Protein backbone atom coordinates (compact mmCIF):
# COMPACT_ATOMS: atom_id res chain seq x y z
CA MET A 1 -23.89 -3.43 29.60
CA ARG A 2 -26.97 -1.76 31.07
CA GLU A 3 -28.96 0.45 28.73
CA ALA A 4 -28.31 3.56 30.83
CA ALA A 5 -24.56 2.96 30.70
CA PHE A 6 -24.73 2.35 26.96
CA VAL A 7 -26.57 5.64 26.42
CA LYS A 8 -24.22 7.57 28.70
CA GLN A 9 -21.18 6.17 26.88
CA ASN A 10 -22.44 7.10 23.40
CA LYS A 11 -24.81 10.02 23.95
CA GLU A 12 -22.34 12.77 23.01
CA LYS A 13 -21.29 10.91 19.86
CA TRP A 14 -24.91 10.50 18.74
CA MET A 15 -25.76 14.14 19.40
CA ALA A 16 -22.68 15.29 17.51
CA PHE A 17 -23.64 13.11 14.56
CA GLU A 18 -27.22 14.34 14.65
CA LYS A 19 -25.93 17.91 14.54
CA ALA A 20 -23.59 17.01 11.69
CA LEU A 21 -26.55 15.76 9.66
CA THR A 22 -28.08 19.25 9.71
CA LEU A 23 -24.80 20.61 8.32
CA SER A 24 -24.17 17.77 5.88
CA SER A 25 -23.89 20.13 2.90
CA GLN A 26 -20.85 21.74 4.54
CA LEU A 27 -19.09 18.54 5.66
CA ASP A 28 -16.97 15.92 3.93
CA PRO A 29 -19.24 13.06 2.75
CA ASP A 30 -16.64 10.53 3.92
CA GLU A 31 -16.85 11.91 7.47
CA LEU A 32 -20.62 11.50 7.42
CA ALA A 33 -20.26 8.00 6.01
CA ASN A 34 -17.82 7.02 8.79
CA GLY A 35 -20.19 8.44 11.38
CA TYR A 36 -22.98 6.42 9.81
CA ILE A 37 -20.91 3.23 10.14
CA HIS A 38 -20.41 3.92 13.87
CA LEU A 39 -24.13 4.60 14.23
CA THR A 40 -25.19 1.36 12.52
CA ASN A 41 -22.78 -0.52 14.74
CA ASP A 42 -24.49 0.96 17.83
CA LEU A 43 -27.88 0.26 16.27
CA ALA A 44 -27.00 -3.41 15.80
CA TYR A 45 -25.91 -3.60 19.44
CA ALA A 46 -29.16 -1.96 20.61
CA GLN A 47 -31.24 -4.34 18.47
CA THR A 48 -29.55 -7.26 20.18
CA TYR A 49 -29.69 -6.09 23.80
CA TYR A 50 -32.37 -3.36 24.06
CA ALA A 51 -35.19 -4.51 21.80
CA GLU A 52 -38.31 -2.28 21.85
CA SER A 53 -36.53 0.38 23.91
CA LYS A 54 -36.61 4.14 23.32
CA THR A 55 -32.89 4.00 22.61
CA LEU A 56 -33.50 1.62 19.73
CA LEU A 57 -36.27 3.82 18.33
CA TYR A 58 -34.00 6.88 18.50
CA LEU A 59 -31.10 5.12 16.77
CA ASN A 60 -33.40 3.74 14.08
CA SER A 61 -34.73 7.23 13.40
CA LEU A 62 -31.25 8.74 13.32
CA ALA A 63 -29.96 5.99 11.01
CA SER A 64 -32.87 6.57 8.65
CA GLN A 65 -32.15 10.30 8.49
CA ALA A 66 -28.48 9.63 7.91
CA HIS A 67 -29.15 7.17 5.11
CA GLN A 68 -31.33 9.69 3.28
CA LYS A 69 -28.80 12.50 3.73
CA ILE A 70 -25.82 10.49 2.60
CA TYR A 71 -27.19 8.32 -0.18
CA LYS A 72 -30.50 9.63 -1.51
CA ASN A 73 -29.28 12.71 -3.32
CA LYS A 74 -25.59 11.94 -3.48
CA LYS A 75 -23.95 13.87 -6.29
CA GLU A 76 -20.60 12.97 -7.83
CA SER A 77 -18.20 15.64 -8.97
CA LYS A 78 -17.47 15.82 -12.68
CA ASN A 79 -13.80 15.68 -11.77
CA ARG A 80 -14.24 12.73 -9.37
CA ILE A 81 -11.59 10.61 -11.08
CA ILE A 82 -9.00 13.38 -10.93
CA THR A 83 -9.77 14.36 -7.33
CA PHE A 84 -9.58 10.71 -6.27
CA TRP A 85 -5.89 10.47 -7.21
CA THR A 86 -4.89 14.04 -6.42
CA THR A 87 -6.68 14.63 -3.11
CA GLU A 88 -9.05 11.96 -1.81
CA PHE A 89 -6.71 8.97 -1.95
CA PRO A 90 -3.55 10.65 -0.58
CA LEU A 91 -5.53 12.10 2.35
CA PHE A 92 -7.04 8.70 3.03
CA PHE A 93 -3.87 6.59 2.61
CA LYS A 94 -1.81 8.34 5.29
CA GLN A 95 -3.58 6.28 7.99
CA TYR A 96 -2.24 3.06 6.43
CA HIS A 97 1.45 3.94 6.25
CA GLN A 98 2.20 1.51 9.07
CA THR A 99 0.40 -1.29 7.22
CA LEU A 100 2.43 -0.44 4.12
CA GLY A 101 5.56 -0.75 6.25
CA PHE A 102 4.54 -4.25 7.35
CA ALA A 103 3.88 -5.27 3.73
CA PHE A 104 7.32 -4.00 2.73
CA LEU A 105 8.97 -5.83 5.64
CA ILE A 106 7.33 -9.14 4.70
CA PHE A 107 8.42 -8.73 1.07
CA ALA A 108 11.98 -7.74 2.04
CA ILE A 109 12.40 -10.72 4.38
CA ALA A 110 11.08 -13.06 1.69
CA SER A 111 13.49 -11.57 -0.87
CA ALA A 112 16.40 -12.13 1.51
CA ILE A 113 15.32 -15.76 2.00
CA GLY A 114 15.07 -16.24 -1.77
CA SER A 115 18.52 -14.73 -2.28
CA LEU A 116 20.21 -16.81 0.41
CA SER A 117 18.51 -19.97 -0.86
CA ALA A 118 19.73 -19.30 -4.41
CA ILE A 119 23.30 -18.83 -3.15
CA LYS A 120 23.26 -21.98 -1.01
CA ASP A 121 21.46 -24.25 -3.49
CA ASP A 122 22.04 -24.10 -7.26
CA THR A 123 18.79 -25.96 -7.94
CA PHE A 124 16.62 -23.51 -5.99
CA VAL A 125 16.42 -21.04 -8.88
CA ARG A 126 15.16 -23.75 -11.21
CA LEU A 127 12.56 -24.74 -8.62
CA ILE A 128 11.29 -21.16 -8.39
CA LEU A 129 11.67 -19.89 -11.97
CA GLY A 130 11.39 -23.12 -13.94
CA ASP A 131 13.89 -24.97 -16.14
CA GLY A 132 12.71 -23.35 -19.35
CA TYR A 133 13.29 -19.80 -18.14
CA VAL A 134 16.64 -20.61 -16.53
CA ASN A 135 17.96 -22.43 -19.62
CA GLN A 136 16.90 -19.61 -21.93
CA THR A 137 18.51 -16.99 -19.68
CA LEU A 138 21.74 -19.01 -19.49
CA ASN A 139 21.84 -19.02 -23.29
CA ASN A 140 21.26 -15.26 -23.33
CA ILE A 141 24.09 -14.74 -20.82
CA ALA A 142 26.41 -16.88 -22.96
CA GLU A 143 25.53 -14.70 -25.96
CA GLY A 144 26.32 -11.52 -24.01
CA ASP A 145 22.75 -10.24 -23.50
CA PRO A 146 21.43 -11.36 -20.08
CA THR A 147 18.06 -9.62 -20.43
CA ALA A 148 17.37 -10.59 -24.05
CA ILE A 149 14.16 -12.25 -22.87
CA TYR A 150 12.61 -8.79 -22.61
CA LYS A 151 13.11 -8.31 -26.36
CA SER A 152 10.84 -11.19 -27.28
CA GLY A 153 7.37 -10.43 -28.56
CA SER A 154 5.95 -7.20 -29.93
CA GLU A 155 6.12 -3.98 -27.96
CA ILE A 156 2.34 -3.52 -27.76
CA GLY A 157 1.76 -7.21 -27.01
CA THR A 158 4.30 -7.17 -24.20
CA PHE A 159 2.87 -3.94 -22.79
CA LEU A 160 -0.69 -5.26 -22.71
CA GLY A 161 0.23 -8.74 -21.47
CA ILE A 162 2.48 -7.52 -18.66
CA THR A 163 0.05 -4.78 -17.55
CA ILE A 164 -2.93 -7.15 -17.40
CA ASN A 165 -0.91 -9.80 -15.53
CA ASN A 166 0.41 -7.29 -12.99
CA ILE A 167 -3.07 -5.91 -12.32
CA ARG A 168 -4.29 -9.49 -11.89
CA VAL A 169 -1.54 -10.16 -9.31
CA ALA A 170 -2.45 -6.93 -7.49
CA PHE A 171 -6.14 -7.84 -7.22
CA LEU A 172 -5.15 -11.36 -6.19
CA ALA A 173 -3.00 -9.98 -3.37
CA PHE A 174 -5.96 -7.86 -2.29
CA ALA A 175 -8.58 -10.61 -2.63
CA PHE A 176 -6.50 -13.07 -0.61
CA GLY A 177 -6.84 -10.66 2.30
CA VAL A 178 -10.25 -12.21 2.89
CA MET A 179 -8.32 -15.12 4.41
CA THR A 180 -7.55 -12.97 7.48
CA SER A 181 -4.34 -11.56 5.90
CA ILE A 182 -2.71 -15.01 5.62
CA GLY A 183 -3.48 -15.22 1.91
CA THR A 184 -2.00 -11.79 1.23
CA ILE A 185 1.11 -12.62 3.27
CA TYR A 186 1.51 -15.72 1.10
CA ILE A 187 1.31 -13.66 -2.11
CA LEU A 188 3.83 -11.12 -0.78
CA PHE A 189 6.13 -13.85 0.50
CA SER A 190 6.09 -15.95 -2.69
CA ASN A 191 6.73 -12.92 -4.90
CA GLY A 192 9.52 -11.77 -2.58
CA VAL A 193 11.24 -15.16 -2.68
CA MET A 194 10.94 -15.20 -6.46
CA LEU A 195 12.50 -11.73 -6.77
CA GLY A 196 15.37 -12.59 -4.41
CA ALA A 197 16.17 -15.81 -6.30
CA PHE A 198 15.83 -14.04 -9.67
CA ILE A 199 18.24 -11.20 -8.83
CA THR A 200 20.74 -13.52 -7.14
CA PHE A 201 20.75 -15.82 -10.17
CA PHE A 202 22.30 -13.03 -12.24
CA TYR A 203 24.76 -12.30 -9.44
CA THR A 204 26.01 -15.90 -9.40
CA LYS A 205 26.54 -15.73 -13.17
CA GLY A 206 28.62 -12.54 -12.97
CA VAL A 207 26.13 -10.26 -14.80
CA PHE A 208 24.56 -8.58 -11.78
CA PHE A 209 25.04 -4.98 -12.95
CA GLU A 210 24.07 -5.55 -16.59
CA ALA A 211 20.89 -7.42 -15.64
CA ASN A 212 19.75 -5.12 -12.85
CA LYS A 213 20.23 -2.02 -14.98
CA GLN A 214 17.47 -3.36 -17.25
CA ILE A 215 15.27 -5.22 -14.79
CA TRP A 216 14.73 -2.24 -12.48
CA LEU A 217 13.67 0.02 -15.35
CA HIS A 218 10.18 -1.42 -15.03
CA GLY A 219 10.74 -3.37 -11.80
CA THR A 220 11.00 -0.29 -9.59
CA ILE A 221 7.35 0.61 -10.12
CA GLU A 222 6.14 -2.95 -10.66
CA ILE A 223 7.56 -4.38 -7.41
CA SER A 224 6.60 -1.27 -5.42
CA VAL A 225 2.95 -1.43 -6.40
CA ILE A 226 2.77 -5.17 -5.78
CA ILE A 227 3.82 -4.37 -2.20
CA ILE A 228 1.19 -1.61 -2.09
CA ALA A 229 -1.44 -4.08 -3.37
CA GLY A 230 -0.31 -6.38 -0.56
CA CYS A 231 -0.95 -3.49 1.82
CA ALA A 232 -4.52 -3.38 0.45
CA GLY A 233 -4.98 -7.07 1.24
CA LEU A 234 -3.61 -6.61 4.75
CA ILE A 235 -6.05 -3.75 5.34
CA MET A 236 -8.96 -6.02 4.52
CA GLY A 237 -7.53 -8.99 6.39
CA ASN A 238 -6.75 -6.96 9.50
CA SER A 239 -10.30 -5.60 9.51
CA ILE A 240 -11.46 -9.16 10.17
CA LEU A 241 -8.81 -9.92 12.76
CA PHE A 242 -8.99 -6.60 14.61
CA PRO A 243 -12.51 -5.10 14.35
CA LYS A 244 -11.86 -2.66 17.24
CA THR A 245 -15.12 -0.94 18.26
CA PHE A 246 -17.01 -2.15 15.17
CA SER A 247 -18.86 -5.40 14.78
CA ARG A 248 -16.79 -7.83 12.71
CA ARG A 249 -19.18 -7.52 9.76
CA VAL A 250 -19.07 -3.72 9.73
CA SER A 251 -15.30 -3.73 10.22
CA PHE A 252 -14.88 -6.12 7.28
CA MET A 253 -17.06 -3.95 5.03
CA LYS A 254 -15.00 -0.89 5.90
CA GLY A 255 -11.71 -2.77 5.46
CA ALA A 256 -12.78 -4.16 2.09
CA LYS A 257 -13.77 -0.68 0.90
CA ASP A 258 -10.51 0.87 2.09
CA GLY A 259 -8.42 -1.94 0.61
CA LEU A 260 -10.20 -1.63 -2.73
CA LYS A 261 -9.35 2.08 -2.83
CA VAL A 262 -5.68 1.22 -2.34
CA VAL A 263 -5.56 -1.44 -5.03
CA ILE A 264 -7.41 0.79 -7.51
CA SER A 265 -4.80 3.49 -6.93
CA THR A 266 -2.11 1.13 -8.28
CA ILE A 267 -3.66 0.68 -11.73
CA PRO A 268 -2.07 3.77 -13.40
CA PHE A 269 1.32 2.75 -12.01
CA PHE A 270 1.00 -0.77 -13.38
CA ILE A 271 0.20 0.77 -16.76
CA ILE A 272 3.38 2.89 -16.53
CA ALA A 273 5.43 -0.18 -15.54
CA GLY A 274 3.94 -2.20 -18.39
CA PHE A 275 4.73 0.59 -20.86
CA ILE A 276 8.36 0.74 -19.69
CA GLU A 277 8.75 -3.04 -19.91
CA GLY A 278 7.11 -3.23 -23.33
CA PHE A 279 8.76 -0.25 -25.01
CA ILE A 280 11.94 0.66 -23.06
CA THR A 281 13.43 -2.30 -21.14
CA ARG A 282 14.17 -4.12 -24.41
CA TYR A 283 16.84 -1.55 -25.27
CA SER A 284 19.73 -3.05 -23.30
CA ASN A 285 22.30 -0.84 -25.03
CA MET A 286 20.94 2.41 -23.62
CA PRO A 287 23.42 4.64 -21.75
CA ASN A 288 23.83 3.89 -18.05
CA TRP A 289 22.90 7.45 -17.09
CA LEU A 290 19.57 7.16 -18.92
CA ALA A 291 18.74 3.83 -17.31
CA PHE A 292 19.48 5.13 -13.82
CA LEU A 293 17.55 8.33 -14.53
CA ILE A 294 14.45 6.27 -15.33
CA ILE A 295 14.97 4.03 -12.28
CA GLY A 296 15.55 7.00 -9.96
CA SER A 297 12.55 8.91 -11.34
CA SER A 298 10.34 5.85 -10.88
CA LEU A 299 11.45 5.42 -7.27
CA ILE A 300 10.89 9.12 -6.50
CA LEU A 301 7.42 8.96 -8.07
CA ILE A 302 6.35 6.02 -5.90
CA VAL A 303 7.87 7.32 -2.66
CA TYR A 304 6.48 10.81 -3.18
CA TYR A 305 2.94 9.78 -4.12
CA TYR A 306 2.41 7.07 -1.50
CA ILE A 307 4.49 8.41 1.40
CA ILE A 308 5.60 12.05 1.18
CA TYR A 309 2.57 13.59 -0.57
CA PRO A 310 -0.03 12.05 1.81
CA ILE A 311 1.94 13.40 4.81
CA LEU A 312 2.20 16.89 3.30
CA LEU A 313 -1.45 16.93 2.23
CA ASN A 314 -2.69 15.83 5.65
CA LYS A 315 -0.59 18.53 7.35
CA ARG A 316 -2.03 21.13 4.99
CA HIS A 317 -5.62 20.05 5.70
CA ALA A 318 -4.98 19.91 9.44
CA ARG A 319 -4.15 23.62 9.58
CA PRO A 320 -6.97 25.82 10.96
């Protein structure tokens, strides 16, 4: 592209950003940061194709001003942690609802494959879950308590162990996104197959209702946020595959930052799921109405926070 065409194509954007810098105290820091990313992308292009030009000098000067405005005297709110979960994250996450839908679809297809495989092949469950777990569960079923495995260990020990493991899986699903989304798809797919085989195993043994009533007490939140963590990995992976108008490096940096925000948002929910599994799931004799109340409340919490609330909040902020 000729320098004149490059300037003509981006001139209005640069001027708007330059004006925004003078009003930076009145604007959202994230908007300025996004504008800065666009600017550095243009700067990198100018450095490659228009070395020693006036355009390059202008962009260098503008980038320097922007860096000082955004980072030099950046102040964090005392309530930054609270505002992250109540306002910043929901506003931000709305743009990735479609990616979340893809993550859910991958997981659902994998679960269906796991379920069908468990029905067609009796040995499939042992391949996925291991002989030790299957044999122990069969003994529990014979003794009339299909989910007795959740009663093993101390309440606090189970809570801490499960929470730490789930957070590890979430960060793994995110980190594997660096493999251009293929790694994250693998994590989602393998966990989906495992869930499908696991649930179907109880169905084939005639204890589907009794088992699911307990499993989904903690599983509703646990499985949901694993899918959301997979969404985080896809965000990072897709930033490599589809950089759009950014350079691939800048796109990756933005995707990694956005994905990290998503996976961090899941931590409180994993703690809730771990608490339920450690302290509540073990009570298999609880009334059905109480079990379904907990399951329903968990589902509403996840759907509202990650889907409904971001939509409502974005509509509210879009109003003049």
